[in-house]
């Protein structure tokens, strides 16, 4: 029997997509979209500047990017389930402590701890895990799994913003984190495992730095990096920018953004395998640039 038996068609493969989807909801919900909410609440509680908190968030993302090769190696060595569960535990633990931070150094420490947790539950492990189970339908499966990121913006941030006036920031955040980690962690335990297309640990180690020596890697990574700088900056500051404005609901603003992203991701997922990747990416970038220009 071929080592790729069950690829693209196995029910187990689609259960893996579902678990990755829930991991994305948790990861982006609390480790991406909610940064703006944390910023507002920490400013209210301690008077810390926007520049300081934003710098801490930026350092968190930079450290996470530097750890990505280690995440890939860990997946090859220990399997995706162990990596996902470790990331969920690390992130949830840091987030449970976050409302208790009273000194700037404590915030810095918590965000540095969250960096590997974010990267162990987001794009890299999701893409690597989907790649172990899908070949021809990889684009569709990956887009469906990553739709959890946009569902996170639709569900997590608006729910957190709605709960804070009733429960207070600390209780609301901890309750939602507990629910999220139990749901995502349960799905990972039940459904995530190594797939038929898994790479060997030796192959992962050999290839870890090889892409850095190729122009093709940089021709793809550099444009995406510039786009992500703008996109992440906009989304991180969306809640602070809309908080306090008359007639503007921050939760609704995040939800609308998430709905549009979800629609675009799902539609693109059904056609992306038939498109030239660079052309599709360029069109996506231009649409985002146009939208931000209109808002400005």
C-alpha atoms as a PDB file:
ATOM      1  CA  UNK A   1       0.000   0.000   0.000  1.00  0.00           C
ATOM      2  CA  UNK A   2       1.242   3.495  -0.820  1.00  0.00           C
ATOM      3  CA  UNK A   3       2.495   5.616   2.053  1.00  0.00           C
ATOM      4  CA  UNK A   4       0.107   8.288   0.803  1.00  0.00           C
ATOM      5  CA  UNK A   5      -2.974   6.113   1.140  1.00  0.00           C
ATOM      6  CA  UNK A   6      -5.896   8.092   2.478  1.00  0.00           C
ATOM      7  CA  UNK A   7      -4.418  11.432   1.471  1.00  0.00           C
ATOM      8  CA  UNK A   8      -7.125  13.999   0.571  1.00  0.00           C
ATOM      9  CA  UNK A   9     -10.013  11.564   1.139  1.00  0.00           C
ATOM     10  CA  UNK A  10      -9.657  10.061   4.612  1.00  0.00           C
ATOM     11  CA  UNK A  11     -12.220  11.148   7.227  1.00  0.00           C
ATOM     12  CA  UNK A  12      -9.287  11.304   9.638  1.00  0.00           C
ATOM     13  CA  UNK A  13      -7.698  13.962   7.428  1.00  0.00           C
ATOM     14  CA  UNK A  14     -10.764  16.192   7.624  1.00  0.00           C
ATOM     15  CA  UNK A  15     -10.940  15.699  11.387  1.00  0.00           C
ATOM     16  CA  UNK A  16      -7.374  17.014  11.501  1.00  0.00           C
ATOM     17  CA  UNK A  17      -8.562  20.078   9.560  1.00  0.00           C
ATOM     18  CA  UNK A  18     -11.310  20.593  12.150  1.00  0.00           C
ATOM     19  CA  UNK A  19      -8.826  20.404  15.041  1.00  0.00           C
ATOM     20  CA  UNK A  20      -6.505  22.842  13.265  1.00  0.00           C
ATOM     21  CA  UNK A  21      -9.486  25.136  12.725  1.00  0.00           C
ATOM     22  CA  UNK A  22     -10.219  25.198  16.468  1.00  0.00           C
ATOM     23  CA  UNK A  23      -6.551  25.750  17.274  1.00  0.00           C
ATOM     24  CA  UNK A  24      -6.615  28.726  14.901  1.00  0.00           C
ATOM     25  CA  UNK A  25      -9.689  30.130  16.648  1.00  0.00           C
ATOM     26  CA  UNK A  26      -7.840  30.013  19.965  1.00  0.00           C
ATOM     27  CA  UNK A  27      -4.490  31.186  18.632  1.00  0.00           C
ATOM     28  CA  UNK A  28      -5.756  34.168  16.641  1.00  0.00           C
ATOM     29  CA  UNK A  29      -8.556  34.958  19.047  1.00  0.00           C
ATOM     30  CA  UNK A  30      -6.325  35.419  22.080  1.00  0.00           C
ATOM     31  CA  UNK A  31      -2.895  35.805  20.484  1.00  0.00           C
ATOM     32  CA  UNK A  32      -3.719  38.176  17.629  1.00  0.00           C
ATOM     33  CA  UNK A  33      -7.061  39.992  17.610  1.00  0.00           C
ATOM     34  CA  UNK A  34      -7.224  40.435  21.382  1.00  0.00           C
ATOM     35  CA  UNK A  35      -3.974  42.408  21.663  1.00  0.00           C
ATOM     36  CA  UNK A  36      -5.914  45.608  21.061  1.00  0.00           C
ATOM     37  CA  UNK A  37      -8.259  44.754  23.918  1.00  0.00           C
ATOM     38  CA  UNK A  38      -5.338  43.974  26.217  1.00  0.00           C
ATOM     39  CA  UNK A  39      -3.783  47.306  25.230  1.00  0.00           C
ATOM     40  CA  UNK A  40      -6.889  49.290  26.160  1.00  0.00           C
ATOM     41  CA  UNK A  41      -7.428  47.481  29.468  1.00  0.00           C
ATOM     42  CA  UNK A  42      -3.777  47.655  30.532  1.00  0.00           C
ATOM     43  CA  UNK A  43      -3.722  51.364  29.761  1.00  0.00           C
ATOM     44  CA  UNK A  44      -6.811  51.872  31.905  1.00  0.00           C
ATOM     45  CA  UNK A  45      -5.336  49.889  34.788  1.00  0.00           C
ATOM     46  CA  UNK A  46      -1.728  51.091  34.751  1.00  0.00           C
ATOM     47  CA  UNK A  47      -1.432  54.050  32.392  1.00  0.00           C
ATOM     48  CA  UNK A  48       1.192  52.323  30.260  1.00  0.00           C
ATOM     49  CA  UNK A  49       1.788  54.041  26.935  1.00  0.00           C
ATOM     50  CA  UNK A  50       0.564  52.738  23.602  1.00  0.00           C
ATOM     51  CA  UNK A  51       4.142  52.813  22.341  1.00  0.00           C
ATOM     52  CA  UNK A  52       5.413  50.601  25.164  1.00  0.00           C
ATOM     53  CA  UNK A  53       2.682  47.981  24.855  1.00  0.00           C
ATOM     54  CA  UNK A  54       2.950  47.972  21.052  1.00  0.00           C
ATOM     55  CA  UNK A  55       6.716  47.472  21.320  1.00  0.00           C
ATOM     56  CA  UNK A  56       6.180  44.483  23.597  1.00  0.00           C
ATOM     57  CA  UNK A  57       3.709  42.976  21.126  1.00  0.00           C
ATOM     58  CA  UNK A  58       6.173  43.562  18.279  1.00  0.00           C
ATOM     59  CA  UNK A  59       8.988  41.880  20.225  1.00  0.00           C
ATOM     60  CA  UNK A  60       6.646  38.944  20.840  1.00  0.00           C
ATOM     61  CA  UNK A  61       6.081  38.509  17.095  1.00  0.00           C
ATOM     62  CA  UNK A  62       9.782  38.916  16.228  1.00  0.00           C
ATOM     63  CA  UNK A  63      10.858  36.326  18.790  1.00  0.00           C
ATOM     64  CA  UNK A  64       8.170  33.992  17.520  1.00  0.00           C
ATOM     65  CA  UNK A  65       9.450  34.350  13.961  1.00  0.00           C
ATOM     66  CA  UNK A  66      12.981  33.475  15.092  1.00  0.00           C
ATOM     67  CA  UNK A  67      11.629  30.337  16.766  1.00  0.00           C
ATOM     68  CA  UNK A  68       9.790  29.074  13.675  1.00  0.00           C
ATOM     69  CA  UNK A  69      12.590  26.722  12.512  1.00  0.00           C
ATOM     70  CA  UNK A  70      12.555  25.098  15.951  1.00  0.00           C
ATOM     71  CA  UNK A  71       8.790  24.652  15.742  1.00  0.00           C
ATOM     72  CA  UNK A  72       9.158  22.819  12.421  1.00  0.00           C
ATOM     73  CA  UNK A  73      11.869  20.595  13.878  1.00  0.00           C
ATOM     74  CA  UNK A  74       9.737  19.853  16.943  1.00  0.00           C
ATOM     75  CA  UNK A  75       6.828  18.795  14.729  1.00  0.00           C
ATOM     76  CA  UNK A  76       9.100  16.425  12.832  1.00  0.00           C
ATOM     77  CA  UNK A  77      10.551  14.980  16.027  1.00  0.00           C
ATOM     78  CA  UNK A  78       7.622  14.858  18.448  1.00  0.00           C
ATOM     79  CA  UNK A  79       4.621  15.036  16.128  1.00  0.00           C
ATOM     80  CA  UNK A  80       2.026  17.781  15.656  1.00  0.00           C
ATOM     81  CA  UNK A  81      -0.155  16.761  18.598  1.00  0.00           C
ATOM     82  CA  UNK A  82       2.592  17.335  21.173  1.00  0.00           C
ATOM     83  CA  UNK A  83       3.518  20.678  19.603  1.00  0.00           C
ATOM     84  CA  UNK A  84      -0.065  21.936  19.518  1.00  0.00           C
ATOM     85  CA  UNK A  85      -0.753  20.900  23.115  1.00  0.00           C
ATOM     86  CA  UNK A  86       2.478  22.486  24.350  1.00  0.00           C
ATOM     87  CA  UNK A  87       1.621  25.729  22.556  1.00  0.00           C
ATOM     88  CA  UNK A  88      -1.916  25.797  23.918  1.00  0.00           C
ATOM     89  CA  UNK A  89      -0.690  25.189  27.475  1.00  0.00           C
ATOM     90  CA  UNK A  90       2.031  27.858  27.288  1.00  0.00           C
ATOM     91  CA  UNK A  91      -0.290  30.459  25.780  1.00  0.00           C
ATOM     92  CA  UNK A  92      -3.159  29.758  28.163  1.00  0.00           C
ATOM     93  CA  UNK A  93      -0.878  29.902  31.209  1.00  0.00           C
ATOM     94  CA  UNK A  94       0.573  33.270  30.196  1.00  0.00           C
ATOM     95  CA  UNK A  95      -2.872  34.675  29.422  1.00  0.00           C
ATOM     96  CA  UNK A  96      -4.234  33.562  32.781  1.00  0.00           C
ATOM     97  CA  UNK A  97      -1.470  35.549  34.480  1.00  0.00           C
ATOM     98  CA  UNK A  98      -1.718  38.582  32.161  1.00  0.00           C
ATOM     99  CA  UNK A  99      -4.488  40.463  34.059  1.00  0.00           C
ATOM    100  CA  UNK A 100      -2.369  40.240  37.225  1.00  0.00           C
ATOM    101  CA  UNK A 101       0.617  42.015  35.662  1.00  0.00           C
ATOM    102  CA  UNK A 102       1.341  45.227  37.555  1.00  0.00           C
ATOM    103  CA  UNK A 103       4.855  46.096  36.383  1.00  0.00           C
ATOM    104  CA  UNK A 104       6.165  46.677  32.843  1.00  0.00           C
ATOM    105  CA  UNK A 105       8.776  43.920  33.178  1.00  0.00           C
ATOM    106  CA  UNK A 106       6.014  41.434  33.997  1.00  0.00           C
ATOM    107  CA  UNK A 107       4.216  42.295  30.771  1.00  0.00           C
ATOM    108  CA  UNK A 108       7.458  41.858  28.833  1.00  0.00           C
ATOM    109  CA  UNK A 109       8.096  38.472  30.454  1.00  0.00           C
ATOM    110  CA  UNK A 110       4.579  37.212  29.739  1.00  0.00           C
ATOM    111  CA  UNK A 111       4.723  38.227  26.088  1.00  0.00           C
ATOM    112  CA  UNK A 112       8.114  36.584  25.646  1.00  0.00           C
ATOM    113  CA  UNK A 113       6.664  33.392  27.118  1.00  0.00           C
ATOM    114  CA  UNK A 114       3.672  33.627  24.786  1.00  0.00           C
ATOM    115  CA  UNK A 115       5.886  33.870  21.688  1.00  0.00           C
ATOM    116  CA  UNK A 116       6.629  30.124  21.361  1.00  0.00           C
ATOM    117  CA  UNK A 117       3.048  29.335  22.349  1.00  0.00           C
ATOM    118  CA  UNK A 118       1.682  31.515  19.534  1.00  0.00           C
ATOM    119  CA  UNK A 119       3.969  29.909  16.969  1.00  0.00           C
ATOM    120  CA  UNK A 120       3.190  26.394  18.180  1.00  0.00           C
ATOM    121  CA  UNK A 121      -0.535  26.878  17.515  1.00  0.00           C
ATOM    122  CA  UNK A 122      -0.750  29.143  14.454  1.00  0.00           C
ATOM    123  CA  UNK A 123       0.323  29.164  10.801  1.00  0.00           C
ATOM    124  CA  UNK A 124       3.482  27.035  10.860  1.00  0.00           C
ATOM    125  CA  UNK A 125       2.161  23.974  12.721  1.00  0.00           C
ATOM    126  CA  UNK A 126      -1.211  24.177  11.002  1.00  0.00           C
ATOM    127  CA  UNK A 127       0.404  24.248   7.550  1.00  0.00           C
ATOM    128  CA  UNK A 128       2.835  21.472   8.481  1.00  0.00           C
ATOM    129  CA  UNK A 129       0.065  19.284   9.885  1.00  0.00           C
ATOM    130  CA  UNK A 130      -2.231  19.824   6.903  1.00  0.00           C
ATOM    131  CA  UNK A 131       0.712  18.996   4.636  1.00  0.00           C
ATOM    132  CA  UNK A 132       0.989  15.583   6.283  1.00  0.00           C
ATOM    133  CA  UNK A 133      -2.569  14.706   5.253  1.00  0.00           C
ATOM    134  CA  UNK A 134      -3.302  16.535   1.988  1.00  0.00           C
ATOM    135  CA  UNK A 135      -1.726  16.734  -1.461  1.00  0.00           C
ATOM    136  CA  UNK A 136      -4.038  17.819  -4.297  1.00  0.00           C
ATOM    137  CA  UNK A 137      -6.553  19.459  -1.943  1.00  0.00           C
ATOM    138  CA  UNK A 138      -3.932  21.020   0.287  1.00  0.00           C
ATOM    139  CA  UNK A 139      -4.913  24.586  -0.621  1.00  0.00           C
ATOM    140  CA  UNK A 140      -8.571  23.976   0.201  1.00  0.00           C
ATOM    141  CA  UNK A 141      -7.785  22.155   3.450  1.00  0.00           C
ATOM    142  CA  UNK A 142      -5.346  24.837   4.578  1.00  0.00           C
ATOM    143  CA  UNK A 143      -7.783  27.647   3.826  1.00  0.00           C
ATOM    144  CA  UNK A 144     -10.558  25.892   5.728  1.00  0.00           C
ATOM    145  CA  UNK A 145      -8.276  25.310   8.722  1.00  0.00           C
ATOM    146  CA  UNK A 146      -7.052  28.904   8.703  1.00  0.00           C
ATOM    147  CA  UNK A 147     -10.636  30.131   8.503  1.00  0.00           C
ATOM    148  CA  UNK A 148     -10.485  29.624  12.247  1.00  0.00           C
ATOM    149  CA  UNK A 149      -8.361  32.767  12.319  1.00  0.00           C
ATOM    150  CA  UNK A 150     -11.169  34.873  10.910  1.00  0.00           C
ATOM    151  CA  UNK A 151     -13.809  33.145  13.022  1.00  0.00           C
ATOM    152  CA  UNK A 152     -11.659  34.163  15.990  1.00  0.00           C
ATOM    153  CA  UNK A 153     -12.083  37.801  15.055  1.00  0.00           C
ATOM    154  CA  UNK A 154     -15.808  37.271  14.650  1.00  0.00           C
ATOM    155  CA  UNK A 155     -16.338  35.442  17.954  1.00  0.00           C
ATOM    156  CA  UNK A 156     -13.528  35.917  20.474  1.00  0.00           C
ATOM    157  CA  UNK A 157     -12.887  39.668  20.491  1.00  0.00           C
ATOM    158  CA  UNK A 158     -16.551  40.768  20.345  1.00  0.00           C
ATOM    159  CA  UNK A 159     -17.415  38.257  23.091  1.00  0.00           C
ATOM    160  CA  UNK A 160     -14.521  39.437  25.243  1.00  0.00           C
ATOM    161  CA  UNK A 161     -15.484  43.082  24.761  1.00  0.00           C
ATOM    162  CA  UNK A 162     -19.098  42.258  25.658  1.00  0.00           C
ATOM    163  CA  UNK A 163     -18.100  40.302  28.782  1.00  0.00           C
ATOM    164  CA  UNK A 164     -15.660  42.846  30.227  1.00  0.00           C
ATOM    165  CA  UNK A 165     -18.322  45.380  31.381  1.00  0.00           C
ATOM    166  CA  UNK A 166     -20.195  42.562  33.154  1.00  0.00           C
ATOM    167  CA  UNK A 167     -17.351  40.528  34.655  1.00  0.00           C
ATOM    168  CA  UNK A 168     -14.365  42.823  34.580  1.00  0.00           C
ATOM    169  CA  UNK A 169     -11.312  42.338  32.394  1.00  0.00           C
ATOM    170  CA  UNK A 170      -9.562  39.722  34.540  1.00  0.00           C
ATOM    171  CA  UNK A 171     -12.532  37.386  35.038  1.00  0.00           C
ATOM    172  CA  UNK A 172     -13.811  37.767  31.470  1.00  0.00           C
ATOM    173  CA  UNK A 173     -10.422  37.091  29.911  1.00  0.00           C
ATOM    174  CA  UNK A 174      -9.654  34.103  32.142  1.00  0.00           C
ATOM    175  CA  UNK A 175     -13.077  32.534  31.610  1.00  0.00           C
ATOM    176  CA  UNK A 176     -12.849  32.798  27.845  1.00  0.00           C
ATOM    177  CA  UNK A 177      -9.261  31.532  27.754  1.00  0.00           C
ATOM    178  CA  UNK A 178     -10.270  28.512  29.855  1.00  0.00           C
ATOM    179  CA  UNK A 179     -13.155  27.680  27.525  1.00  0.00           C
ATOM    180  CA  UNK A 180     -11.003  28.180  24.447  1.00  0.00           C
ATOM    181  CA  UNK A 181      -8.095  26.023  25.576  1.00  0.00           C
ATOM    182  CA  UNK A 182     -10.408  23.197  26.673  1.00  0.00           C
ATOM    183  CA  UNK A 183     -12.215  23.143  23.318  1.00  0.00           C
ATOM    184  CA  UNK A 184      -9.093  23.444  21.163  1.00  0.00           C
ATOM    185  CA  UNK A 185      -7.034  21.110  23.339  1.00  0.00           C
ATOM    186  CA  UNK A 186      -9.767  18.488  23.352  1.00  0.00           C
ATOM    187  CA  UNK A 187      -9.978  18.508  19.556  1.00  0.00           C
ATOM    188  CA  UNK A 188      -6.196  18.219  19.248  1.00  0.00           C
ATOM    189  CA  UNK A 189      -6.099  15.248  21.639  1.00  0.00           C
ATOM    190  CA  UNK A 190      -8.901  13.480  19.785  1.00  0.00           C
ATOM    191  CA  UNK A 191      -8.017  14.138  16.156  1.00  0.00           C
ATOM    192  CA  UNK A 192      -4.443  15.322  15.527  1.00  0.00           C
ATOM    193  CA  UNK A 193      -1.790  12.744  14.696  1.00  0.00           C
ATOM    194  CA  UNK A 194       1.026  12.229  12.218  1.00  0.00           C
ATOM    195  CA  UNK A 195      -0.199  11.827   8.640  1.00  0.00           C
ATOM    196  CA  UNK A 196       0.903   9.564   5.771  1.00  0.00           C
ATOM    197  CA  UNK A 197       3.029  12.334   4.231  1.00  0.00           C
ATOM    198  CA  UNK A 198       5.011  13.046   7.405  1.00  0.00           C
ATOM    199  CA  UNK A 199       8.642  14.029   6.899  1.00  0.00           C
ATOM    200  CA  UNK A 200      11.352  12.237   8.860  1.00  0.00           C
ATOM    201  CA  UNK A 201      13.118  14.187  11.634  1.00  0.00           C
ATOM    202  CA  UNK A 202      16.400  13.880   9.725  1.00  0.00           C
ATOM    203  CA  UNK A 203      14.844  15.436   6.631  1.00  0.00           C
ATOM    204  CA  UNK A 204      13.467  18.301   8.705  1.00  0.00           C
ATOM    205  CA  UNK A 205      16.887  19.015  10.245  1.00  0.00           C
ATOM    206  CA  UNK A 206      18.643  18.924   6.871  1.00  0.00           C
ATOM    207  CA  UNK A 207      16.188  21.323   5.255  1.00  0.00           C
ATOM    208  CA  UNK A 208      15.779  23.805   8.130  1.00  0.00           C
ATOM    209  CA  UNK A 209      18.214  26.450   6.862  1.00  0.00           C
ATOM    210  CA  UNK A 210      18.363  25.455   3.202  1.00  0.00           C
ATOM    211  CA  UNK A 211      15.597  27.871   2.085  1.00  0.00           C
ATOM    212  CA  UNK A 212      17.547  30.853   3.453  1.00  0.00           C
ATOM    213  CA  UNK A 213      20.119  30.340   0.698  1.00  0.00           C
ATOM    214  CA  UNK A 214      17.548  30.496  -2.093  1.00  0.00           C
ATOM    215  CA  UNK A 215      16.321  33.624  -3.866  1.00  0.00           C
ATOM    216  CA  UNK A 216      12.904  32.044  -4.336  1.00  0.00           C
ATOM    217  CA  UNK A 217      12.435  31.913  -0.565  1.00  0.00           C
ATOM    218  CA  UNK A 218      13.213  35.605  -0.136  1.00  0.00           C
ATOM    219  CA  UNK A 219      11.153  36.617  -3.175  1.00  0.00           C
ATOM    220  CA  UNK A 220       8.129  35.120  -1.423  1.00  0.00           C
ATOM    221  CA  UNK A 221       8.921  35.853   2.216  1.00  0.00           C
ATOM    222  CA  UNK A 222       9.923  39.508   1.885  1.00  0.00           C
ATOM    223  CA  UNK A 223       6.693  40.741   0.214  1.00  0.00           C
ATOM    224  CA  UNK A 224       4.572  38.774   2.671  1.00  0.00           C
ATOM    225  CA  UNK A 225       6.587  40.191   5.573  1.00  0.00           C
ATOM    226  CA  UNK A 226       5.948  43.775   4.464  1.00  0.00           C
ATOM    227  CA  UNK A 227       2.252  43.093   3.991  1.00  0.00           C
ATOM    228  CA  UNK A 228       1.967  41.402   7.377  1.00  0.00           C
ATOM    229  CA  UNK A 229       3.652  44.357   9.113  1.00  0.00           C
ATOM    230  CA  UNK A 230       0.891  46.624   7.827  1.00  0.00           C
ATOM    231  CA  UNK A 231      -1.914  44.129   8.362  1.00  0.00           C
ATOM    232  CA  UNK A 232      -0.935  43.186  11.910  1.00  0.00           C
ATOM    233  CA  UNK A 233      -0.367  46.819  12.854  1.00  0.00           C
ATOM    234  CA  UNK A 234      -3.807  47.792  11.604  1.00  0.00           C
ATOM    235  CA  UNK A 235      -5.627  44.923  13.301  1.00  0.00           C
ATOM    236  CA  UNK A 236      -3.741  45.280  16.589  1.00  0.00           C
ATOM    237  CA  UNK A 237      -4.743  48.937  16.845  1.00  0.00           C
ATOM    238  CA  UNK A 238      -8.293  48.559  15.510  1.00  0.00           C
ATOM    239  CA  UNK A 239      -9.863  48.307  18.975  1.00  0.00           C
ATOM    240  CA  UNK A 240      -7.875  51.233  20.475  1.00  0.00           C
ATOM    241  CA  UNK A 241      -8.631  53.378  17.415  1.00  0.00           C
ATOM    242  CA  UNK A 242     -12.384  52.768  17.622  1.00  0.00           C
ATOM    243  CA  UNK A 243     -12.794  52.735  21.419  1.00  0.00           C
ATOM    244  CA  UNK A 244     -14.516  55.876  22.629  1.00  0.00           C
ATOM    245  CA  UNK A 245     -15.600  57.035  19.180  1.00  0.00           C
ATOM    246  CA  UNK A 246     -19.226  58.044  19.006  1.00  0.00           C
ATOM    247  CA  UNK A 247     -21.353  55.598  17.054  1.00  0.00           C
ATOM    248  CA  UNK A 248     -18.531  53.073  16.591  1.00  0.00           C
ATOM    249  CA  UNK A 249     -18.626  49.676  18.318  1.00  0.00           C
ATOM    250  CA  UNK A 250     -15.082  48.204  18.536  1.00  0.00           C
ATOM    251  CA  UNK A 251     -16.431  44.652  18.705  1.00  0.00           C
ATOM    252  CA  UNK A 252     -18.539  45.221  15.608  1.00  0.00           C
ATOM    253  CA  UNK A 253     -15.560  46.722  13.771  1.00  0.00           C
ATOM    254  CA  UNK A 254     -13.458  43.631  14.481  1.00  0.00           C
ATOM    255  CA  UNK A 255     -16.364  41.327  13.597  1.00  0.00           C
ATOM    256  CA  UNK A 256     -16.972  43.015  10.231  1.00  0.00           C
ATOM    257  CA  UNK A 257     -13.290  42.714   9.399  1.00  0.00           C
ATOM    258  CA  UNK A 258     -13.362  39.038  10.361  1.00  0.00           C
ATOM    259  CA  UNK A 259     -16.499  38.271   8.337  1.00  0.00           C
ATOM    260  CA  UNK A 260     -15.008  39.782   5.200  1.00  0.00           C
ATOM    261  CA  UNK A 261     -11.755  37.910   5.767  1.00  0.00           C
ATOM    262  CA  UNK A 262     -13.669  34.661   6.243  1.00  0.00           C
ATOM    263  CA  UNK A 263     -15.664  35.142   3.048  1.00  0.00           C
ATOM    264  CA  UNK A 264     -12.511  35.919   1.106  1.00  0.00           C
ATOM    265  CA  UNK A 265     -10.610  32.982   2.577  1.00  0.00           C
ATOM    266  CA  UNK A 266     -13.334  30.423   1.863  1.00  0.00           C
ATOM    267  CA  UNK A 267     -13.978  31.676  -1.678  1.00  0.00           C
ATOM    268  CA  UNK A 268     -10.264  31.746  -2.430  1.00  0.00           C
ATOM    269  CA  UNK A 269      -9.878  28.271  -0.950  1.00  0.00           C
ATOM    270  CA  UNK A 270     -12.120  26.756  -3.607  1.00  0.00           C
ATOM    271  CA  UNK A 271     -10.143  28.254  -6.499  1.00  0.00           C
ATOM    272  CA  UNK A 272      -6.625  28.765  -5.165  1.00  0.00           C
ATOM    273  CA  UNK A 273      -5.390  25.380  -6.406  1.00  0.00           C
ATOM    274  CA  UNK A 274      -6.220  26.493  -9.964  1.00  0.00           C
ATOM    275  CA  UNK A 275      -4.533  29.913  -9.749  1.00  0.00           C
ATOM    276  CA  UNK A 276      -0.933  30.999 -10.132  1.00  0.00           C
ATOM    277  CA  UNK A 277       0.096  31.633  -6.489  1.00  0.00           C
ATOM    278  CA  UNK A 278       2.004  34.878  -7.045  1.00  0.00           C
ATOM    279  CA  UNK A 279      -0.787  36.442  -9.063  1.00  0.00           C
ATOM    280  CA  UNK A 280      -3.389  35.417  -6.477  1.00  0.00           C
ATOM    281  CA  UNK A 281      -1.263  36.852  -3.656  1.00  0.00           C
ATOM    282  CA  UNK A 282      -0.695  40.120  -5.514  1.00  0.00           C
ATOM    283  CA  UNK A 283      -4.417  40.602  -6.077  1.00  0.00           C
ATOM    284  CA  UNK A 284      -5.086  39.889  -2.400  1.00  0.00           C
ATOM    285  CA  UNK A 285      -2.451  42.442  -1.347  1.00  0.00           C
ATOM    286  CA  UNK A 286      -3.865  45.130  -3.633  1.00  0.00           C
ATOM    287  CA  UNK A 287      -7.391  44.597  -2.310  1.00  0.00           C
ATOM    288  CA  UNK A 288      -6.136  45.100   1.261  1.00  0.00           C
ATOM    289  CA  UNK A 289      -4.167  48.211   0.302  1.00  0.00           C
ATOM    290  CA  UNK A 290      -7.253  49.680  -1.338  1.00  0.00           C
ATOM    291  CA  UNK A 291      -9.415  48.966   1.712  1.00  0.00           C
ATOM    292  CA  UNK A 292      -6.980  50.611   4.136  1.00  0.00           C
ATOM    293  CA  UNK A 293      -6.628  53.598   1.793  1.00  0.00           C
ATOM    294  CA  UNK A 294     -10.394  54.086   1.831  1.00  0.00           C
ATOM    295  CA  UNK A 295     -10.470  53.944   5.645  1.00  0.00           C
ATOM    296  CA  UNK A 296      -7.655  56.473   5.876  1.00  0.00           C
END
